[in-house]
Amino acid sequence: MPDPANTSPDLLSPPERQWRSALTLGWPLALLGAPLVLSLGDVPLCGFQHVTGLPCPLCGGTRACAALADGNFIVAWQLNPGLMVLLALAAAHSLQLGVEAWTGRRVQRWRIGVGAWRAGIVLLLVGWALRLLGWL
């Protein structure tokens, strides 16, 4: 007879734990890779801006990540404040996923869900609109 403690919806399967581990480790590595991308020279980083001449919501993100990797939070904020909100959310979510991967259980108390990501995307788009209007 199966153990009811092992069928709890809070328990994660091994693939779920691996996925959470990969996400927990993946985005900080990408953040640290931003200075390397910038060292490539005058490469157009944004296809949207290259085609339209307007910045996209994520424009400045590579330079902002490079500034974060260098510990320069003020410059990162100036380059793309909306993205900084999303990166802070990603850091918190990464911590949540790391705890879940480590313990094998879903976090219930301080769970970061879809609503937080939607709010972060709205803030990113508001920041983008303010940049397009010249207010940022």
C-alpha atoms as a PDB file:
ATOM      1  CA  MET A   1       0.000   0.000   0.000  1.00  0.00           C
ATOM      2  CA  PRO A   2       1.453   3.418  -0.961  1.00  0.00           C
ATOM      3  CA  ASP A   3       2.479   5.758   1.812  1.00  0.00           C
ATOM      4  CA  PRO A   4      -0.012   8.676   1.910  1.00  0.00           C
ATOM      5  CA  ALA A   5       2.779  11.002   3.066  1.00  0.00           C
ATOM      6  CA  ASN A   6       4.526  10.523  -0.297  1.00  0.00           C
ATOM      7  CA  THR A   7       1.454  11.432  -2.372  1.00  0.00           C
ATOM      8  CA  SER A   8       1.039  14.918  -0.915  1.00  0.00           C
ATOM      9  CA  PRO A   9       0.469  17.622  -3.547  1.00  0.00           C
ATOM     10  CA  ASP A  10       3.177  19.619  -1.748  1.00  0.00           C
ATOM     11  CA  LEU A  11       5.850  17.051  -2.654  1.00  0.00           C
ATOM     12  CA  LEU A  12       7.845  17.601  -5.838  1.00  0.00           C
ATOM     13  CA  SER A  13       8.748  14.886  -8.299  1.00  0.00           C
ATOM     14  CA  PRO A  14      12.444  14.484  -9.226  1.00  0.00           C
ATOM     15  CA  PRO A  15      11.946  16.259 -12.607  1.00  0.00           C
ATOM     16  CA  GLU A  16      10.239  19.185 -10.839  1.00  0.00           C
ATOM     17  CA  ARG A  17      13.182  19.449  -8.438  1.00  0.00           C
ATOM     18  CA  GLN A  18      15.670  19.352 -11.336  1.00  0.00           C
ATOM     19  CA  TRP A  19      13.761  22.061 -13.218  1.00  0.00           C
ATOM     20  CA  ARG A  20      13.757  24.279 -10.133  1.00  0.00           C
ATOM     21  CA  SER A  21      17.484  23.697  -9.622  1.00  0.00           C
ATOM     22  CA  ALA A  22      18.231  24.629 -13.235  1.00  0.00           C
ATOM     23  CA  LEU A  23      16.240  27.869 -12.982  1.00  0.00           C
ATOM     24  CA  THR A  24      17.814  28.734  -9.652  1.00  0.00           C
ATOM     25  CA  LEU A  25      21.304  28.458 -11.139  1.00  0.00           C
ATOM     26  CA  GLY A  26      20.545  29.602 -14.693  1.00  0.00           C
ATOM     27  CA  TRP A  27      19.497  33.226 -14.435  1.00  0.00           C
ATOM     28  CA  PRO A  28      22.395  34.365 -12.200  1.00  0.00           C
ATOM     29  CA  LEU A  29      24.804  32.845 -14.733  1.00  0.00           C
ATOM     30  CA  ALA A  30      23.070  34.781 -17.510  1.00  0.00           C
ATOM     31  CA  LEU A  31      23.349  37.965 -15.445  1.00  0.00           C
ATOM     32  CA  LEU A  32      27.077  37.434 -15.009  1.00  0.00           C
ATOM     33  CA  GLY A  33      27.422  36.806 -18.757  1.00  0.00           C
ATOM     34  CA  ALA A  34      26.125  40.289 -19.650  1.00  0.00           C
ATOM     35  CA  PRO A  35      29.552  41.987 -19.430  1.00  0.00           C
ATOM     36  CA  LEU A  36      30.866  39.378 -21.857  1.00  0.00           C
ATOM     37  CA  VAL A  37      28.134  40.187 -24.382  1.00  0.00           C
ATOM     38  CA  LEU A  38      28.942  43.881 -24.118  1.00  0.00           C
ATOM     39  CA  SER A  39      32.619  43.190 -24.762  1.00  0.00           C
ATOM     40  CA  LEU A  40      31.734  41.937 -28.261  1.00  0.00           C
ATOM     41  CA  GLY A  41      31.698  45.506 -29.504  1.00  0.00           C
ATOM     42  CA  ASP A  42      29.109  47.331 -31.560  1.00  0.00           C
ATOM     43  CA  VAL A  43      26.643  44.475 -31.980  1.00  0.00           C
ATOM     44  CA  PRO A  44      22.947  45.471 -32.199  1.00  0.00           C
ATOM     45  CA  LEU A  45      21.497  43.859 -29.088  1.00  0.00           C
ATOM     46  CA  CYS A  46      17.854  44.697 -29.785  1.00  0.00           C
ATOM     47  CA  GLY A  47      16.195  43.709 -33.039  1.00  0.00           C
ATOM     48  CA  PHE A  48      13.144  45.833 -32.235  1.00  0.00           C
ATOM     49  CA  GLN A  49      15.232  48.983 -31.836  1.00  0.00           C
ATOM     50  CA  HIS A  50      17.358  48.103 -34.855  1.00  0.00           C
ATOM     51  CA  VAL A  51      14.229  47.910 -37.039  1.00  0.00           C
ATOM     52  CA  THR A  52      11.993  50.623 -35.531  1.00  0.00           C
ATOM     53  CA  GLY A  53      14.477  53.031 -33.983  1.00  0.00           C
ATOM     54  CA  LEU A  54      12.490  52.855 -30.735  1.00  0.00           C
ATOM     55  CA  PRO A  55      13.644  51.071 -27.597  1.00  0.00           C
ATOM     56  CA  CYS A  56      11.780  47.931 -26.588  1.00  0.00           C
ATOM     57  CA  PRO A  57      10.685  47.342 -22.966  1.00  0.00           C
ATOM     58  CA  LEU A  58      13.889  45.392 -22.314  1.00  0.00           C
ATOM     59  CA  CYS A  59      16.279  47.840 -24.004  1.00  0.00           C
ATOM     60  CA  GLY A  60      19.129  48.671 -21.689  1.00  0.00           C
ATOM     61  CA  GLY A  61      18.703  45.306 -20.008  1.00  0.00           C
ATOM     62  CA  THR A  62      22.067  43.896 -21.051  1.00  0.00           C
ATOM     63  CA  ARG A  63      23.865  47.035 -19.884  1.00  0.00           C
ATOM     64  CA  ALA A  64      21.756  47.042 -16.703  1.00  0.00           C
ATOM     65  CA  CYS A  65      22.715  43.422 -15.996  1.00  0.00           C
ATOM     66  CA  ALA A  66      26.371  44.280 -16.626  1.00  0.00           C
ATOM     67  CA  ALA A  67      26.041  47.167 -14.157  1.00  0.00           C
ATOM     68  CA  LEU A  68      24.447  44.817 -11.615  1.00  0.00           C
ATOM     69  CA  ALA A  69      27.246  42.303 -12.118  1.00  0.00           C
ATOM     70  CA  ASP A  70      29.681  45.148 -11.354  1.00  0.00           C
ATOM     71  CA  GLY A  71      27.654  46.063  -8.253  1.00  0.00           C
ATOM     72  CA  ASN A  72      26.469  49.382  -9.678  1.00  0.00           C
ATOM     73  CA  PHE A  73      22.784  49.338  -8.737  1.00  0.00           C
ATOM     74  CA  ILE A  74      22.145  53.030  -9.418  1.00  0.00           C
ATOM     75  CA  VAL A  75      23.355  52.787 -13.022  1.00  0.00           C
ATOM     76  CA  ALA A  76      21.326  49.602 -13.501  1.00  0.00           C
ATOM     77  CA  TRP A  77      18.208  51.403 -12.226  1.00  0.00           C
ATOM     78  CA  GLN A  78      18.836  54.358 -14.544  1.00  0.00           C
ATOM     79  CA  LEU A  79      19.222  52.069 -17.564  1.00  0.00           C
ATOM     80  CA  ASN A  80      15.911  50.247 -17.083  1.00  0.00           C
ATOM     81  CA  PRO A  81      13.964  50.677 -13.816  1.00  0.00           C
ATOM     82  CA  GLY A  82      11.129  48.395 -14.908  1.00  0.00           C
ATOM     83  CA  LEU A  83      13.558  45.584 -15.579  1.00  0.00           C
ATOM     84  CA  MET A  84      15.106  46.032 -12.127  1.00  0.00           C
ATOM     85  CA  VAL A  85      11.697  45.299 -10.614  1.00  0.00           C
ATOM     86  CA  LEU A  86      11.478  42.111 -12.693  1.00  0.00           C
ATOM     87  CA  LEU A  87      15.031  41.093 -11.773  1.00  0.00           C
ATOM     88  CA  ALA A  88      14.279  41.592  -8.068  1.00  0.00           C
ATOM     89  CA  LEU A  89      11.178  39.447  -8.532  1.00  0.00           C
ATOM     90  CA  ALA A  90      13.262  36.856 -10.395  1.00  0.00           C
ATOM     91  CA  ALA A  91      15.786  36.802  -7.546  1.00  0.00           C
ATOM     92  CA  ALA A  92      13.035  36.232  -4.979  1.00  0.00           C
ATOM     93  CA  HIS A  93      11.384  33.594  -7.177  1.00  0.00           C
ATOM     94  CA  SER A  94      14.760  31.942  -7.697  1.00  0.00           C
ATOM     95  CA  LEU A  95      15.202  31.762  -3.938  1.00  0.00           C
ATOM     96  CA  GLN A  96      11.757  30.168  -3.662  1.00  0.00           C
ATOM     97  CA  LEU A  97      12.574  27.621  -6.376  1.00  0.00           C
ATOM     98  CA  GLY A  98      15.923  26.877  -4.761  1.00  0.00           C
ATOM     99  CA  VAL A  99      14.251  26.185  -1.419  1.00  0.00           C
ATOM    100  CA  GLU A 100      11.722  23.950  -3.174  1.00  0.00           C
ATOM    101  CA  ALA A 101      14.469  22.081  -5.033  1.00  0.00           C
ATOM    102  CA  TRP A 102      16.455  21.635  -1.820  1.00  0.00           C
ATOM    103  CA  THR A 103      13.549  20.496   0.370  1.00  0.00           C
ATOM    104  CA  GLY A 104      11.505  18.687  -2.280  1.00  0.00           C
ATOM    105  CA  ARG A 105       8.350  20.497  -1.155  1.00  0.00           C
ATOM    106  CA  ARG A 106       6.386  23.416  -2.561  1.00  0.00           C
ATOM    107  CA  VAL A 107       6.666  26.633  -0.576  1.00  0.00           C
ATOM    108  CA  GLN A 108       3.227  27.738   0.566  1.00  0.00           C
ATOM    109  CA  ARG A 109       3.723  30.737   2.872  1.00  0.00           C
ATOM    110  CA  TRP A 110       5.617  33.217   0.721  1.00  0.00           C
ATOM    111  CA  ARG A 111       4.913  31.719  -2.661  1.00  0.00           C
ATOM    112  CA  ILE A 112       5.548  34.021  -5.621  1.00  0.00           C
ATOM    113  CA  GLY A 113       2.799  33.426  -8.116  1.00  0.00           C
ATOM    114  CA  VAL A 114       1.450  34.600 -11.417  1.00  0.00           C
ATOM    115  CA  GLY A 115      -0.009  37.778  -9.918  1.00  0.00           C
ATOM    116  CA  ALA A 116       3.421  39.023  -8.874  1.00  0.00           C
ATOM    117  CA  TRP A 117       4.811  38.382 -12.359  1.00  0.00           C
ATOM    118  CA  ARG A 118       1.854  40.163 -13.964  1.00  0.00           C
ATOM    119  CA  ALA A 119       2.411  43.182 -11.718  1.00  0.00           C
ATOM    120  CA  GLY A 120       6.115  43.137 -12.594  1.00  0.00           C
ATOM    121  CA  ILE A 121       5.350  43.079 -16.311  1.00  0.00           C
ATOM    122  CA  VAL A 122       2.901  45.969 -15.889  1.00  0.00           C
ATOM    123  CA  LEU A 123       5.639  47.969 -14.127  1.00  0.00           C
ATOM    124  CA  LEU A 124       8.072  47.110 -16.934  1.00  0.00           C
ATOM    125  CA  LEU A 125       5.576  48.367 -19.529  1.00  0.00           C
ATOM    126  CA  VAL A 126       4.849  51.530 -17.520  1.00  0.00           C
ATOM    127  CA  GLY A 127       8.587  52.213 -17.341  1.00  0.00           C
ATOM    128  CA  TRP A 128       8.842  51.641 -21.092  1.00  0.00           C
ATOM    129  CA  ALA A 129       5.976  54.049 -21.783  1.00  0.00           C
ATOM    130  CA  LEU A 130       7.599  56.688 -19.572  1.00  0.00           C
ATOM    131  CA  ARG A 131      10.888  56.253 -21.458  1.00  0.00           C
ATOM    132  CA  LEU A 132       9.106  56.613 -24.805  1.00  0.00           C
ATOM    133  CA  LEU A 133       7.478  59.818 -23.540  1.00  0.00           C
ATOM    134  CA  GLY A 134      10.870  61.124 -22.405  1.00  0.00           C
ATOM    135  CA  TRP A 135       9.897  61.187 -18.738  1.00  0.00           C
ATOM    136  CA  LEU A 136      12.565  58.665 -17.696  1.00  0.00           C
END
